[in-house]
Amino acid sequence: MANLTITIDDDLLRRARLRALERGTSVNAILRDYLEALAGGRDVRTSAVAKLLDLSRSAGSRRARRRWTRDELHER
């Protein structure tokens, strides 16, 4: 497997790391998945399923951290 070095702004990397953390993955994995899709390494269906699974995992982890009060649930 080859290594790739890129140069990006420090703030961009910080924001990318936060987004990857929210998704339960790494910046490296996100970039690898993007490059695979760009190069045609995966078909559209496989890519869509992977994205849905990532979203499902991140939604589940957010849901587990949030505790709603009765008042918040019934607020109008």
N, C-alpha and C. Protein backbone atom coordinates (compact mmCIF):
# COMPACT_ATOMS: atom_id res chain seq x y z
N MET A 1 0.85 -1.17 0.00
CA MET A 1 0.00 0.00 0.00
C MET A 1 0.90 1.24 0.00
N ALA A 2 0.55 2.23 -0.79
CA ALA A 2 1.34 3.45 -0.92
C ALA A 2 0.89 4.51 0.08
N ASN A 3 1.80 5.42 0.40
CA ASN A 3 1.48 6.57 1.24
C ASN A 3 1.33 7.80 0.35
N LEU A 4 0.47 8.73 0.77
CA LEU A 4 0.24 9.97 0.04
C LEU A 4 0.35 11.12 1.03
N THR A 5 1.10 12.14 0.68
CA THR A 5 1.24 13.32 1.52
C THR A 5 0.53 14.48 0.84
N ILE A 6 -0.32 15.17 1.59
CA ILE A 6 -1.00 16.34 1.06
C ILE A 6 -0.73 17.52 2.00
N THR A 7 -0.87 18.70 1.47
CA THR A 7 -0.69 19.91 2.27
C THR A 7 -2.02 20.64 2.32
N ILE A 8 -2.51 20.85 3.54
CA ILE A 8 -3.78 21.55 3.73
C ILE A 8 -3.64 22.53 4.89
N ASP A 9 -4.56 23.44 4.96
CA ASP A 9 -4.62 24.44 6.03
C ASP A 9 -4.86 23.75 7.38
N ASP A 10 -4.22 24.24 8.43
CA ASP A 10 -4.37 23.66 9.77
C ASP A 10 -5.83 23.64 10.22
N ASP A 11 -6.55 24.74 9.95
CA ASP A 11 -7.95 24.81 10.37
C ASP A 11 -8.81 23.79 9.62
N LEU A 12 -8.52 23.60 8.34
CA LEU A 12 -9.25 22.60 7.56
C LEU A 12 -9.03 21.20 8.12
N LEU A 13 -7.80 20.89 8.48
CA LEU A 13 -7.51 19.58 9.06
C LEU A 13 -8.23 19.41 10.40
N ARG A 14 -8.24 20.45 11.21
CA ARG A 14 -8.93 20.38 12.51
C ARG A 14 -10.41 20.09 12.31
N ARG A 15 -11.05 20.81 11.37
CA ARG A 15 -12.47 20.60 11.10
C ARG A 15 -12.73 19.21 10.52
N ALA A 16 -11.83 18.74 9.67
CA ALA A 16 -11.99 17.40 9.09
C ALA A 16 -11.87 16.34 10.17
N ARG A 17 -10.94 16.53 11.11
CA ARG A 17 -10.80 15.57 12.21
C ARG A 17 -12.05 15.53 13.08
N LEU A 18 -12.62 16.70 13.34
CA LEU A 18 -13.85 16.74 14.13
C LEU A 18 -14.99 16.01 13.41
N ARG A 19 -15.13 16.26 12.11
CA ARG A 19 -16.18 15.60 11.33
C ARG A 19 -15.97 14.09 11.31
N ALA A 20 -14.71 13.66 11.16
CA ALA A 20 -14.41 12.23 11.17
C ALA A 20 -14.74 11.62 12.53
N LEU A 21 -14.41 12.33 13.60
CA LEU A 21 -14.73 11.85 14.94
C LEU A 21 -16.23 11.69 15.12
N GLU A 22 -17.01 12.64 14.62
CA GLU A 22 -18.47 12.54 14.69
C GLU A 22 -18.96 11.29 13.97
N ARG A 23 -18.29 10.91 12.91
CA ARG A 23 -18.68 9.74 12.11
C ARG A 23 -18.07 8.44 12.63
N GLY A 24 -17.22 8.55 13.64
CA GLY A 24 -16.59 7.36 14.20
C GLY A 24 -15.54 6.76 13.28
N THR A 25 -14.84 7.60 12.54
CA THR A 25 -13.84 7.12 11.59
C THR A 25 -12.64 8.06 11.63
N SER A 26 -11.78 7.95 10.66
CA SER A 26 -10.59 8.82 10.61
C SER A 26 -10.58 9.61 9.31
N VAL A 27 -9.80 10.68 9.30
CA VAL A 27 -9.64 11.47 8.08
C VAL A 27 -9.04 10.59 6.99
N ASN A 28 -8.09 9.75 7.37
CA ASN A 28 -7.46 8.84 6.42
C ASN A 28 -8.50 7.94 5.75
N ALA A 29 -9.40 7.36 6.53
CA ALA A 29 -10.43 6.47 5.97
C ALA A 29 -11.39 7.23 5.06
N ILE A 30 -11.75 8.44 5.45
CA ILE A 30 -12.64 9.25 4.61
C ILE A 30 -11.98 9.57 3.28
N LEU A 31 -10.71 9.97 3.32
CA LEU A 31 -10.00 10.28 2.08
C LEU A 31 -9.82 9.03 1.21
N ARG A 32 -9.51 7.91 1.82
CA ARG A 32 -9.36 6.66 1.08
C ARG A 32 -10.67 6.28 0.39
N ASP A 33 -11.78 6.39 1.12
CA ASP A 33 -13.10 6.08 0.53
C ASP A 33 -13.42 7.02 -0.62
N TYR A 34 -13.10 8.29 -0.44
CA TYR A 34 -13.36 9.27 -1.49
C TYR A 34 -12.54 8.95 -2.74
N LEU A 35 -11.25 8.65 -2.55
CA LEU A 35 -10.39 8.35 -3.69
C LEU A 35 -10.81 7.06 -4.39
N GLU A 36 -11.26 6.07 -3.62
CA GLU A 36 -11.77 4.83 -4.23
C GLU A 36 -12.98 5.13 -5.10
N ALA A 37 -13.88 5.94 -4.60
CA ALA A 37 -15.07 6.30 -5.37
C ALA A 37 -14.68 7.13 -6.60
N LEU A 38 -13.76 8.06 -6.43
CA LEU A 38 -13.31 8.90 -7.53
C LEU A 38 -12.66 8.07 -8.64
N ALA A 39 -11.87 7.09 -8.24
CA ALA A 39 -11.15 6.26 -9.21
C ALA A 39 -12.01 5.13 -9.76
N GLY A 40 -13.23 4.99 -9.26
CA GLY A 40 -14.10 3.94 -9.75
C GLY A 40 -13.84 2.60 -9.09
N GLY A 41 -13.22 2.61 -7.95
CA GLY A 41 -12.91 1.36 -7.24
C GLY A 41 -14.13 0.69 -6.65
N ARG A 42 -15.17 1.45 -6.43
CA ARG A 42 -16.41 0.88 -5.87
C ARG A 42 -17.57 1.36 -6.72
N ASP A 43 -18.55 0.53 -6.84
CA ASP A 43 -19.73 0.98 -7.58
C ASP A 43 -20.58 1.89 -6.70
N VAL A 44 -21.51 2.55 -7.30
CA VAL A 44 -22.33 3.55 -6.60
C VAL A 44 -23.11 2.92 -5.45
N ARG A 45 -23.63 1.74 -5.64
CA ARG A 45 -24.43 1.09 -4.60
C ARG A 45 -23.58 0.78 -3.37
N THR A 46 -22.39 0.25 -3.56
CA THR A 46 -21.52 -0.07 -2.44
C THR A 46 -21.15 1.19 -1.67
N SER A 47 -20.87 2.25 -2.40
CA SER A 47 -20.53 3.52 -1.78
C SER A 47 -21.71 4.07 -0.97
N ALA A 48 -22.91 3.98 -1.54
CA ALA A 48 -24.10 4.47 -0.84
C ALA A 48 -24.35 3.69 0.44
N VAL A 49 -24.19 2.38 0.37
CA VAL A 49 -24.39 1.55 1.56
C VAL A 49 -23.38 1.91 2.64
N ALA A 50 -22.13 2.12 2.25
CA ALA A 50 -21.10 2.49 3.22
C ALA A 50 -21.44 3.82 3.88
N LYS A 51 -21.89 4.79 3.10
CA LYS A 51 -22.26 6.09 3.66
C LYS A 51 -23.45 5.97 4.61
N LEU A 52 -24.44 5.17 4.25
CA LEU A 52 -25.59 4.97 5.12
C LEU A 52 -25.18 4.32 6.45
N LEU A 53 -24.30 3.34 6.36
CA LEU A 53 -23.82 2.70 7.59
C LEU A 53 -23.06 3.68 8.47
N ASP A 54 -22.23 4.54 7.87
CA ASP A 54 -21.53 5.56 8.63
C ASP A 54 -22.50 6.51 9.31
N LEU A 55 -23.51 6.95 8.56
CA LEU A 55 -24.51 7.86 9.14
C LEU A 55 -25.28 7.18 10.26
N SER A 56 -25.61 5.93 10.08
CA SER A 56 -26.34 5.18 11.09
C SER A 56 -25.53 5.07 12.37
N ARG A 57 -24.24 4.76 12.23
CA ARG A 57 -23.38 4.66 13.41
C ARG A 57 -23.27 5.98 14.14
N SER A 58 -23.07 7.08 13.38
CA SER A 58 -22.90 8.38 14.02
C SER A 58 -24.21 8.84 14.66
N ALA A 59 -25.36 8.54 14.04
CA ALA A 59 -26.65 8.92 14.61
C ALA A 59 -26.90 8.14 15.90
N GLY A 60 -26.54 6.89 15.91
CA GLY A 60 -26.73 6.07 17.10
C GLY A 60 -25.88 6.54 18.26
N SER A 61 -24.65 6.95 17.98
CA SER A 61 -23.78 7.40 19.05
C SER A 61 -24.24 8.75 19.61
N ARG A 62 -24.76 9.61 18.73
CA ARG A 62 -25.29 10.90 19.21
C ARG A 62 -26.53 10.69 20.06
N ARG A 63 -27.38 9.76 19.63
CA ARG A 63 -28.61 9.49 20.35
C ARG A 63 -28.31 8.96 21.75
N ALA A 64 -27.29 8.15 21.87
CA ALA A 64 -26.97 7.55 23.16
C ALA A 64 -26.45 8.59 24.16
N ARG A 65 -25.84 9.66 23.68
CA ARG A 65 -25.28 10.68 24.57
C ARG A 65 -26.33 11.66 25.06
N ARG A 66 -27.38 11.88 24.31
CA ARG A 66 -28.38 12.90 24.63
C ARG A 66 -29.47 12.31 25.50
N ARG A 67 -29.72 12.96 26.61
CA ARG A 67 -30.82 12.57 27.50
C ARG A 67 -31.86 13.68 27.48
N TRP A 68 -33.05 13.38 27.05
CA TRP A 68 -34.13 14.36 26.97
C TRP A 68 -34.90 14.37 28.28
N THR A 69 -35.31 15.55 28.70
CA THR A 69 -36.18 15.64 29.87
C THR A 69 -37.62 15.56 29.38
N ARG A 70 -38.52 15.27 30.29
CA ARG A 70 -39.93 15.18 29.94
C ARG A 70 -40.43 16.50 29.36
N ASP A 71 -40.01 17.62 29.99
CA ASP A 71 -40.42 18.94 29.51
C ASP A 71 -39.91 19.22 28.09
N GLU A 72 -38.68 18.81 27.80
CA GLU A 72 -38.15 19.04 26.46
C GLU A 72 -38.93 18.24 25.42
N LEU A 73 -39.32 17.03 25.76
CA LEU A 73 -40.06 16.18 24.83
C LEU A 73 -41.45 16.72 24.53
N HIS A 74 -42.04 17.38 25.51
CA HIS A 74 -43.41 17.88 25.34
C HIS A 74 -43.48 19.39 25.08
N GLU A 75 -42.31 20.00 24.87
CA GLU A 75 -42.26 21.44 24.59
C GLU A 75 -42.90 21.73 23.23
N ARG A 76 -43.69 22.78 23.17
CA ARG A 76 -44.35 23.12 21.89
C ARG A 76 -43.91 24.45 21.41
